[in-house]
């Protein structure tokens, strides 16, 4: 499927090691896996807090429904704080549609020009990556978020992590190859990227990338440091 997906030329940058994608450490109560990659449910990695802009995230419902409901946010769009989610089919046109939609979002929020180009390339590449791991007729989900100077793109695919350690290792390597352009773009902007099993009730895998100023410590606001795969 990768041959049918349109590509966006990436700016030249030096690729970093394919084993530098951060993942969460395993639970102390779980038996270790031989390769430590994309574990089953009992050793499922937690998503970073910045991925919670996804509709797949669990949300606590209020016991009291306010009616009439509160008004929407009527403040002017902020270039430093926003979050958008986009659900699209796994199809050849999806990366292009995703990047054009992201372009409109960044334009409305008047994000600085030097960040727009890399952000659109990351949206395009992560959408293409998610489509490679999502079958026809299924949906991928993208989140575009910015806070404290850090711009983050998160992609959810439907490819459930393997229970077999050998298959899990092979699949993780396929993901690393698919993320080559994303890693190069992230490194060129002083950023980082990674992937982990999605939180229930979602299945599949979440892949994220962060770029921008003030990156140190911002990718892990929950206070849990990731370790290299």
Protein backbone atom coordinates (compact mmCIF):
# COMPACT_ATOMS: atom_id res chain seq x y z
CA UNK A 1 0.00 0.00 0.00
CA UNK A 2 2.89 2.29 0.61
CA UNK A 3 3.51 2.62 -3.12
CA UNK A 4 0.06 4.16 -3.67
CA UNK A 5 0.33 6.82 -1.00
CA UNK A 6 1.43 10.30 -2.17
CA UNK A 7 4.58 11.66 -0.58
CA UNK A 8 5.79 15.08 0.47
CA UNK A 9 9.53 15.73 0.01
CA UNK A 10 11.23 16.00 3.38
CA UNK A 11 13.93 18.56 4.14
CA UNK A 12 17.41 17.05 4.30
CA UNK A 13 18.38 15.99 7.81
CA UNK A 14 20.51 13.39 9.52
CA UNK A 15 18.48 10.35 10.53
CA UNK A 16 18.89 9.07 14.05
CA UNK A 17 18.98 5.46 15.10
CA UNK A 18 15.93 3.33 14.43
CA UNK A 19 16.06 2.10 18.00
CA UNK A 20 15.64 5.57 19.51
CA UNK A 21 11.84 5.57 19.55
CA UNK A 22 10.76 6.03 23.18
CA UNK A 23 8.29 3.68 24.82
CA UNK A 24 6.99 3.38 28.34
CA UNK A 25 8.61 0.96 30.78
CA UNK A 26 6.72 -2.24 31.57
CA UNK A 27 4.64 -2.74 34.67
CA UNK A 28 6.51 -4.28 37.58
CA UNK A 29 3.87 -6.99 37.84
CA UNK A 30 4.21 -8.06 34.21
CA UNK A 31 6.51 -10.75 32.92
CA UNK A 32 9.22 -9.26 30.67
CA UNK A 33 9.02 -9.82 26.93
CA UNK A 34 12.18 -10.86 25.05
CA UNK A 35 12.18 -7.81 22.77
CA UNK A 36 10.29 -5.27 24.89
CA UNK A 37 8.32 -4.06 21.87
CA UNK A 38 4.56 -3.34 21.70
CA UNK A 39 3.47 -5.64 24.57
CA UNK A 40 0.10 -7.36 25.05
CA UNK A 41 -2.70 -5.90 27.13
CA UNK A 42 -1.27 -6.92 30.50
CA UNK A 43 1.88 -4.97 29.74
CA UNK A 44 0.34 -2.22 27.64
CA UNK A 45 2.25 1.04 27.54
CA UNK A 46 0.43 4.19 28.61
CA UNK A 47 0.06 6.92 26.02
CA UNK A 48 1.66 10.28 26.71
CA UNK A 49 -0.75 12.80 28.17
CA UNK A 50 -0.59 14.93 25.01
CA UNK A 51 -2.33 12.14 23.07
CA UNK A 52 -5.50 12.65 25.06
CA UNK A 53 -6.90 14.96 22.39
CA UNK A 54 -8.02 11.77 20.66
CA UNK A 55 -11.68 10.68 20.79
CA UNK A 56 -10.33 7.24 21.67
CA UNK A 57 -9.21 8.55 25.04
CA UNK A 58 -11.33 7.68 28.05
CA UNK A 59 -13.23 10.65 29.44
CA UNK A 60 -15.04 10.88 32.75
CA UNK A 61 -18.70 11.78 32.21
CA UNK A 62 -20.29 14.26 34.55
CA UNK A 63 -23.17 13.01 36.68
CA UNK A 64 -25.05 16.24 36.07
CA UNK A 65 -25.90 17.50 32.60
CA UNK A 66 -25.97 21.28 32.36
CA UNK A 67 -28.83 22.60 30.24
CA UNK A 68 -28.65 24.90 28.43
CA UNK A 69 -25.07 23.83 27.81
CA UNK A 70 -22.19 26.25 28.39
CA UNK A 71 -21.13 28.40 25.41
CA UNK A 72 -18.21 27.42 23.18
CA UNK A 73 -14.81 29.05 23.46
CA UNK A 74 -15.30 32.43 21.78
CA UNK A 75 -11.76 33.72 22.26
CA UNK A 76 -9.60 34.50 19.24
CA UNK A 77 -7.61 31.52 17.92
CA UNK A 78 -4.31 31.19 19.73
CA UNK A 79 -1.08 30.30 17.88
CA UNK A 80 0.32 28.64 21.01
CA UNK A 81 -2.61 26.61 22.39
CA UNK A 82 -4.99 24.49 20.30
CA UNK A 83 -6.04 20.89 19.70
CA UNK A 84 -7.85 19.36 16.69
CA UNK A 85 -8.85 15.80 15.86
CA UNK A 86 -9.49 14.36 12.39
CA UNK A 87 -10.87 10.91 11.53
CA UNK A 88 -10.27 9.72 7.97
CA UNK A 89 -10.51 6.49 5.96
CA UNK A 90 -7.42 4.46 5.20
CA UNK A 91 -7.05 5.50 1.57
CA UNK A 92 -4.52 6.89 -0.88
CA UNK A 93 -5.89 10.44 -0.73
CA UNK A 94 -5.96 10.61 3.06
CA UNK A 95 -2.42 12.00 3.63
CA UNK A 96 -3.10 14.85 1.20
CA UNK A 97 -6.50 15.63 2.74
CA UNK A 98 -4.96 15.56 6.23
CA UNK A 99 -2.13 17.94 5.34
CA UNK A 100 -4.48 20.39 3.58
CA UNK A 101 -6.79 20.37 6.60
CA UNK A 102 -3.84 20.95 8.92
CA UNK A 103 -2.75 23.83 6.70
CA UNK A 104 -6.11 25.52 7.27
CA UNK A 105 -5.82 25.00 11.04
CA UNK A 106 -2.32 26.46 11.21
CA UNK A 107 -3.38 29.41 9.04
CA UNK A 108 -6.37 30.26 11.24
CA UNK A 109 -4.18 30.11 14.34
CA UNK A 110 -1.44 32.15 12.63
CA UNK A 111 1.31 29.71 13.55
CA UNK A 112 4.75 31.05 12.71
CA UNK A 113 5.85 30.38 9.14
CA UNK A 114 9.02 28.48 10.04
CA UNK A 115 6.97 25.82 11.81
CA UNK A 116 4.20 25.43 9.23
CA UNK A 117 6.23 23.56 6.60
CA UNK A 118 7.65 20.90 8.94
CA UNK A 119 4.27 20.49 10.66
CA UNK A 120 2.47 19.83 7.38
CA UNK A 121 5.10 17.32 6.31
CA UNK A 122 4.73 15.50 9.63
CA UNK A 123 0.94 15.39 9.31
CA UNK A 124 1.28 14.00 5.79
CA UNK A 125 3.87 11.39 6.75
CA UNK A 126 2.06 10.25 9.91
CA UNK A 127 -1.21 9.93 7.99
CA UNK A 128 0.56 7.80 5.37
CA UNK A 129 2.15 5.73 8.13
CA UNK A 130 -1.21 5.14 9.84
CA UNK A 131 -2.77 4.10 6.53
CA UNK A 132 -0.04 1.50 6.02
CA UNK A 133 -1.15 -0.16 9.25
CA UNK A 134 -4.92 0.24 8.74
CA UNK A 135 -6.94 -1.86 6.30
CA UNK A 136 -9.31 -0.56 3.64
CA UNK A 137 -12.70 0.28 5.09
CA UNK A 138 -11.21 1.19 8.48
CA UNK A 139 -10.46 4.62 9.90
CA UNK A 140 -7.33 6.34 11.13
CA UNK A 141 -7.40 9.23 13.58
CA UNK A 142 -5.02 12.21 13.72
CA UNK A 143 -4.57 14.77 16.47
CA UNK A 144 -2.85 18.11 15.88
CA UNK A 145 -2.07 19.93 19.10
CA UNK A 146 0.10 22.77 20.36
CA UNK A 147 0.87 23.96 23.86
CA UNK A 148 3.77 25.86 25.45
CA UNK A 149 5.51 26.21 22.10
CA UNK A 150 5.46 22.46 21.36
CA UNK A 151 3.56 21.23 18.31
CA UNK A 152 2.51 17.59 18.40
CA UNK A 153 1.00 15.29 15.81
CA UNK A 154 -0.51 11.98 16.94
CA UNK A 155 -1.74 9.20 14.64
CA UNK A 156 -3.86 6.18 15.62
CA UNK A 157 -3.94 3.09 13.40
CA UNK A 158 -5.91 -0.14 13.87
CA UNK A 159 -3.06 -2.69 13.67
CA UNK A 160 -3.28 -4.52 17.01
CA UNK A 161 0.09 -5.34 18.64
CA UNK A 162 1.16 -8.97 18.29
CA UNK A 163 1.25 -11.33 21.27
CA UNK A 164 3.99 -13.45 19.71
CA UNK A 165 7.39 -11.91 20.50
CA UNK A 166 8.92 -12.75 17.12
CA UNK A 167 6.03 -11.22 15.20
CA UNK A 168 6.01 -8.21 17.52
CA UNK A 169 9.68 -7.57 16.82
CA UNK A 170 9.22 -7.90 13.05
CA UNK A 171 6.20 -5.60 13.09
CA UNK A 172 8.01 -3.00 15.20
CA UNK A 173 10.84 -2.98 12.67
CA UNK A 174 8.34 -2.43 9.85
CA UNK A 175 7.01 0.54 11.80
CA UNK A 176 10.49 1.98 12.21
CA UNK A 177 11.08 1.72 8.47
CA UNK A 178 7.72 3.37 7.78
CA UNK A 179 8.63 6.20 10.18
CA UNK A 180 11.98 6.98 8.55
CA UNK A 181 10.88 10.35 7.13
CA UNK A 182 9.12 11.25 10.38
CA UNK A 183 12.25 10.56 12.44
CA UNK A 184 14.40 12.65 10.10
CA UNK A 185 11.96 15.55 10.23
CA UNK A 186 11.68 15.37 14.00
CA UNK A 187 15.44 15.27 14.51
CA UNK A 188 15.92 18.18 12.12
CA UNK A 189 13.68 20.27 14.39
CA UNK A 190 15.16 19.02 17.66
CA UNK A 191 12.07 16.90 18.29
CA UNK A 192 11.22 13.32 19.13
CA UNK A 193 8.82 10.57 18.14
CA UNK A 194 7.63 7.18 19.35
CA UNK A 195 4.86 4.60 19.26
CA UNK A 196 2.96 2.52 21.80
CA UNK A 197 -0.12 0.34 22.08
CA UNK A 198 -3.30 2.41 22.18
CA UNK A 199 -5.33 2.86 25.33
CA UNK A 200 -8.57 0.86 25.52
CA UNK A 201 -11.26 1.06 24.31
CA UNK A 202 -9.14 1.80 21.23
CA UNK A 203 -7.19 -0.97 19.56
CA UNK A 204 -4.10 -0.66 17.43
CA UNK A 205 -1.13 1.63 17.97
CA UNK A 206 -0.60 5.33 18.64
CA UNK A 207 2.36 7.08 17.00
CA UNK A 208 3.39 10.59 18.03
CA UNK A 209 5.92 13.26 17.17
CA UNK A 210 6.73 16.55 18.92
CA UNK A 211 8.64 19.54 17.51
CA UNK A 212 9.06 23.16 18.49
CA UNK A 213 10.47 25.41 21.17
CA UNK A 214 10.36 24.41 24.81
CA UNK A 215 10.42 20.72 23.93
CA UNK A 216 12.43 19.55 26.94
CA UNK A 217 10.10 17.81 29.37
CA UNK A 218 6.97 18.84 27.47
CA UNK A 219 6.47 15.53 25.71
CA UNK A 220 5.89 13.75 29.00
CA UNK A 221 3.65 16.05 31.05
CA UNK A 222 2.49 13.10 33.12
CA UNK A 223 5.94 12.93 34.69
CA UNK A 224 6.81 9.41 33.45
CA UNK A 225 10.07 9.35 31.52
CA UNK A 226 10.12 7.15 28.41
CA UNK A 227 13.00 4.84 27.68
CA UNK A 228 14.43 3.83 24.32
CA UNK A 229 13.00 0.80 22.59
